[in-house]
Amino acid sequence: MENQPTTRTTTMNCRNCNATVTSNFCCDCGLPVQINRVDWHYIVHEIQHVLHFEKGILYTIKELLLRPGTSIHAFITTDRSRLVKPVLFIIVTSLIYTTIDHLFHIEQGYVNYNGPKNSPSVLIYNWIQSHYGYTNIIMGIFIALWLKLFYRVQGYNLFEILILLCFVMGMGMLIFSVFAMIEGFTGIHLMQISSILGLSYCTWAIGHFFDKTRVASYFKALGAYILGMATFSLFVFALGMLVDFIAS
């Protein structure tokens, strides 16, 4: 009887979960056995991954422009692999706008804060102006509370509504970015127009998400969005006054 060749399997423990690994990936946590070095191939791959039209930011923008309600509803309920992560989306889009504003100083002609340069209130407003990504998430909480109240019969929880707002407000920041770029190159004042378009898009997208067939849905979306922004502004004003009072 001929001797049968023996197959030797190399085993090792996963660096992440310490499970026994016999293949290229850990069967428990999915971590690859070998991590490739960070080089220009890796950088190019990561850029292509972010911009990939099937599951990247370009695809997300296209879906949010054409069918925001349908695509966001699918992300929440069935498929979370096709759109980029909502928090990442709003932070990246806010960073794009902040970068354009810093390059062209767009908001200097529109937003001015009166008060001592180093007063707590002015410092708070300056922080808001320099951190739109985090600010939009915080403001989204106030808007989400009003949306939760107005659309309470829909059954969405507060966190699902926040996911909706991350996508919608991220698109709003992209709208601001486009007009800020045009204004920076041409000198034509366009930010009032971008504000109207941004608010209109957010109203349409939110109404489309909750009930695209009813006109009342879009009016409730507009009311909740405006009330949310107003409530956030009052909160920031009250916080500034409180900090000023404590510091004085």
Protein backbone atom coordinates (compact mmCIF):
# COMPACT_ATOMS: atom_id res chain seq x y z
CA MET A 1 0.00 0.00 0.00
CA GLU A 2 1.45 3.32 -1.08
CA ASN A 3 2.05 5.99 1.49
CA GLN A 4 -0.43 8.89 1.20
CA PRO A 5 1.04 12.40 1.26
CA THR A 6 0.26 14.26 4.44
CA THR A 7 -1.01 17.85 4.44
CA ARG A 8 0.42 20.07 7.11
CA THR A 9 -1.67 23.03 8.20
CA THR A 10 0.05 25.94 9.87
CA THR A 11 -1.92 27.31 12.74
CA MET A 12 -1.51 30.48 14.74
CA ASN A 13 -3.48 32.63 17.12
CA CYS A 14 -5.34 35.74 15.98
CA ARG A 15 -3.71 38.96 17.13
CA ASN A 16 -7.14 40.46 17.85
CA CYS A 17 -9.22 37.76 19.59
CA ASN A 18 -6.59 35.02 20.17
CA ALA A 19 -8.69 32.43 18.33
CA THR A 20 -6.92 29.66 16.41
CA VAL A 21 -6.44 30.64 12.76
CA THR A 22 -5.82 28.12 9.98
CA SER A 23 -6.49 30.30 6.92
CA ASN A 24 -5.79 33.81 5.69
CA PHE A 25 -8.51 35.31 7.89
CA CYS A 26 -9.69 34.71 11.43
CA CYS A 27 -12.98 32.80 11.39
CA ASP A 28 -14.17 34.59 14.54
CA CYS A 29 -13.41 38.29 13.98
CA GLY A 30 -12.35 38.36 10.31
CA LEU A 31 -8.94 39.98 10.89
CA PRO A 32 -6.46 39.09 8.13
CA VAL A 33 -3.43 37.07 9.16
CA GLN A 34 -1.00 39.27 7.26
CA ILE A 35 -1.32 43.06 7.09
CA ASN A 36 0.22 44.64 4.02
CA ARG A 37 2.63 47.50 4.48
CA VAL A 38 1.36 51.06 4.11
CA ASP A 39 2.79 52.27 0.80
CA TRP A 40 1.57 54.18 -2.24
CA HIS A 41 -0.42 51.14 -3.41
CA TYR A 42 -2.28 51.18 -0.10
CA ILE A 43 -2.97 54.94 -0.31
CA VAL A 44 -4.27 54.67 -3.87
CA HIS A 45 -6.49 51.74 -2.88
CA GLU A 46 -7.96 53.65 0.07
CA ILE A 47 -8.72 56.71 -2.08
CA GLN A 48 -10.39 54.50 -4.69
CA HIS A 49 -12.38 52.79 -1.95
CA VAL A 50 -13.69 56.10 -0.59
CA LEU A 51 -14.58 57.45 -4.02
CA HIS A 52 -15.88 54.16 -5.44
CA PHE A 53 -19.08 54.88 -7.30
CA GLU A 54 -20.82 51.70 -6.22
CA LYS A 55 -20.41 51.97 -2.47
CA GLY A 56 -18.48 55.18 -1.90
CA ILE A 57 -19.15 58.84 -1.35
CA LEU A 58 -19.99 59.55 -5.01
CA TYR A 59 -22.64 56.85 -5.00
CA THR A 60 -23.99 58.17 -1.70
CA ILE A 61 -24.25 61.71 -3.08
CA LYS A 62 -26.03 60.47 -6.20
CA GLU A 63 -28.56 58.47 -4.16
CA LEU A 64 -29.19 61.33 -1.74
CA LEU A 65 -29.77 63.72 -4.64
CA LEU A 66 -32.15 61.47 -6.58
CA ARG A 67 -33.99 59.44 -3.93
CA PRO A 68 -33.01 60.48 -0.41
CA GLY A 69 -35.99 59.01 1.40
CA THR A 70 -35.76 55.62 -0.28
CA SER A 71 -31.99 55.23 0.06
CA ILE A 72 -31.87 56.35 3.72
CA HIS A 73 -34.83 54.13 4.60
CA ALA A 74 -33.03 51.18 3.00
CA PHE A 75 -29.87 52.01 4.97
CA ILE A 76 -31.78 52.02 8.25
CA THR A 77 -33.90 48.94 7.64
CA THR A 78 -32.26 46.56 5.15
CA ASP A 79 -28.84 47.35 3.61
CA ARG A 80 -26.10 49.37 5.32
CA SER A 81 -23.32 48.44 2.91
CA ARG A 82 -24.06 50.68 -0.07
CA LEU A 83 -23.97 54.14 1.52
CA VAL A 84 -21.01 55.52 3.46
CA LYS A 85 -21.35 55.70 7.22
CA PRO A 86 -23.62 58.65 8.13
CA VAL A 87 -21.43 60.19 10.85
CA LEU A 88 -18.38 59.96 8.59
CA PHE A 89 -20.41 61.52 5.77
CA ILE A 90 -21.46 64.60 7.73
CA ILE A 91 -17.98 65.11 9.18
CA VAL A 92 -16.30 64.84 5.77
CA THR A 93 -18.79 67.14 4.04
CA SER A 94 -18.57 69.66 6.88
CA LEU A 95 -14.78 69.54 6.64
CA ILE A 96 -15.02 70.28 2.91
CA TYR A 97 -17.09 73.40 3.61
CA THR A 98 -14.83 74.49 6.48
CA THR A 99 -11.77 74.16 4.25
CA ILE A 100 -13.36 76.25 1.49
CA ASP A 101 -14.43 78.88 4.02
CA HIS A 102 -10.91 79.11 5.44
CA LEU A 103 -9.45 79.44 1.95
CA PHE A 104 -11.78 82.21 0.78
CA HIS A 105 -13.02 83.66 4.13
CA ILE A 106 -16.60 83.43 2.92
CA GLU A 107 -18.36 83.80 6.26
CA GLN A 108 -16.55 87.00 7.24
CA GLY A 109 -19.01 88.92 5.12
CA TYR A 110 -22.05 87.18 6.61
CA VAL A 111 -21.37 86.12 10.21
CA ASN A 112 -20.12 88.52 12.86
CA TYR A 113 -20.08 88.10 16.64
CA ASN A 114 -20.09 91.17 18.83
CA GLY A 115 -18.29 91.11 22.14
CA PRO A 116 -14.84 90.96 23.71
CA LYS A 117 -12.47 88.80 21.70
CA ASN A 118 -11.72 86.39 24.54
CA SER A 119 -15.17 86.29 26.11
CA PRO A 120 -16.64 82.79 26.60
CA SER A 121 -19.60 83.57 24.29
CA VAL A 122 -17.36 84.60 21.41
CA LEU A 123 -15.11 81.58 21.99
CA ILE A 124 -18.14 79.28 21.82
CA TYR A 125 -19.32 80.82 18.55
CA ASN A 126 -15.81 80.64 17.12
CA TRP A 127 -15.64 76.96 18.04
CA ILE A 128 -18.96 76.35 16.29
CA GLN A 129 -17.73 78.13 13.17
CA SER A 130 -14.53 76.05 13.14
CA HIS A 131 -16.13 72.66 13.89
CA TYR A 132 -19.20 72.38 11.68
CA GLY A 133 -19.03 68.59 11.65
CA TYR A 134 -19.54 68.24 15.40
CA THR A 135 -21.84 71.26 15.49
CA ASN A 136 -24.15 69.72 12.88
CA ILE A 137 -24.36 66.53 14.90
CA ILE A 138 -25.26 68.49 18.05
CA MET A 139 -27.78 70.64 16.17
CA GLY A 140 -29.15 67.44 14.64
CA ILE A 141 -30.15 66.28 18.11
CA PHE A 142 -32.39 69.34 18.54
CA ILE A 143 -33.89 68.89 15.07
CA ALA A 144 -34.38 65.17 15.72
CA LEU A 145 -36.37 65.89 18.88
CA TRP A 146 -38.81 68.05 16.91
CA LEU A 147 -39.00 65.48 14.10
CA LYS A 148 -39.68 62.77 16.66
CA LEU A 149 -42.55 64.87 18.00
CA PHE A 150 -44.00 65.78 14.60
CA TYR A 151 -43.69 62.26 13.15
CA ARG A 152 -44.29 60.24 16.32
CA VAL A 153 -46.84 58.00 14.56
CA GLN A 154 -44.15 56.81 12.13
CA GLY A 155 -42.42 54.78 14.84
CA TYR A 156 -38.81 55.80 14.17
CA ASN A 157 -36.62 56.17 17.24
CA LEU A 158 -34.37 59.15 17.94
CA PHE A 159 -31.20 57.43 16.71
CA GLU A 160 -32.74 56.46 13.38
CA ILE A 161 -33.82 60.06 12.88
CA LEU A 162 -30.27 61.19 13.69
CA ILE A 163 -28.98 58.88 10.94
CA LEU A 164 -31.41 60.54 8.55
CA LEU A 165 -30.19 63.99 9.58
CA CYS A 166 -26.52 63.06 9.20
CA PHE A 167 -27.12 62.24 5.56
CA VAL A 168 -29.46 65.18 4.89
CA MET A 169 -27.38 67.81 6.67
CA GLY A 170 -24.25 66.44 5.03
CA MET A 171 -25.81 67.11 1.64
CA GLY A 172 -26.70 70.59 2.87
CA MET A 173 -23.03 71.21 3.63
CA LEU A 174 -22.12 70.09 0.10
CA ILE A 175 -24.61 72.59 -1.31
CA PHE A 176 -23.00 75.33 0.79
CA SER A 177 -19.57 74.16 -0.40
CA VAL A 178 -20.47 74.47 -4.08
CA PHE A 179 -21.79 78.01 -3.71
CA ALA A 180 -18.93 79.01 -1.40
CA MET A 181 -16.45 77.81 -4.02
CA ILE A 182 -18.20 79.80 -6.75
CA GLU A 183 -18.34 82.90 -4.54
CA GLY A 184 -14.68 82.51 -3.65
CA PHE A 185 -13.62 82.52 -7.31
CA THR A 186 -16.11 85.07 -8.65
CA GLY A 187 -16.74 87.39 -5.70
CA ILE A 188 -20.50 87.20 -6.32
CA HIS A 189 -22.45 86.93 -3.05
CA LEU A 190 -24.29 83.62 -3.25
CA MET A 191 -24.49 82.31 0.29
CA GLN A 192 -28.05 83.56 0.84
CA ILE A 193 -29.09 81.53 -2.21
CA SER A 194 -27.24 78.48 -0.91
CA SER A 195 -29.01 78.83 2.45
CA ILE A 196 -32.39 78.78 0.73
CA LEU A 197 -31.43 75.83 -1.46
CA GLY A 198 -29.94 73.96 1.49
CA LEU A 199 -33.07 74.43 3.58
CA SER A 200 -35.25 73.46 0.62
CA TYR A 201 -33.25 70.28 0.05
CA CYS A 202 -33.41 69.30 3.74
CA THR A 203 -37.16 69.90 3.79
CA TRP A 204 -37.69 67.83 0.66
CA ALA A 205 -35.41 64.99 1.76
CA ILE A 206 -36.92 64.69 5.24
CA GLY A 207 -40.47 64.88 3.92
CA HIS A 208 -39.58 62.30 1.27
CA PHE A 209 -38.25 59.97 3.96
CA PHE A 210 -41.30 60.08 6.22
CA ASP A 211 -44.12 60.27 3.69
CA LYS A 212 -43.33 61.40 0.16
CA THR A 213 -46.98 61.23 -0.97
CA ARG A 214 -48.41 63.83 1.44
CA VAL A 215 -47.82 67.57 1.16
CA ALA A 216 -48.25 67.95 4.93
CA SER A 217 -45.15 65.81 5.42
CA TYR A 218 -42.96 68.48 3.81
CA PHE A 219 -44.50 71.28 5.88
CA LYS A 220 -43.85 69.31 9.06
CA ALA A 221 -40.28 68.71 7.91
CA LEU A 222 -39.75 72.44 7.34
CA GLY A 223 -41.28 73.37 10.68
CA ALA A 224 -39.26 70.79 12.61
CA TYR A 225 -36.02 71.83 10.91
CA ILE A 226 -36.53 75.55 11.61
CA LEU A 227 -37.61 74.90 15.20
CA GLY A 228 -34.62 72.66 15.71
CA MET A 229 -32.19 75.31 14.47
CA ALA A 230 -33.92 77.97 16.57
CA THR A 231 -33.80 75.77 19.69
CA PHE A 232 -30.12 75.05 19.09
CA SER A 233 -29.38 78.76 18.68
CA LEU A 234 -31.21 79.55 21.93
CA PHE A 235 -29.27 76.81 23.68
CA VAL A 236 -25.94 78.20 22.45
CA PHE A 237 -26.95 81.74 23.45
CA ALA A 238 -28.04 80.60 26.91
CA LEU A 239 -24.86 78.56 27.33
CA GLY A 240 -22.75 81.58 26.39
CA MET A 241 -24.62 83.80 28.82
CA LEU A 242 -24.23 81.24 31.60
CA VAL A 243 -20.50 80.83 31.01
CA ASP A 244 -20.08 84.62 30.85
CA PHE A 245 -21.95 84.96 34.14
CA ILE A 246 -19.85 82.29 35.86
CA ALA A 247 -16.60 83.74 34.50
CA SER A 248 -17.44 87.32 35.54
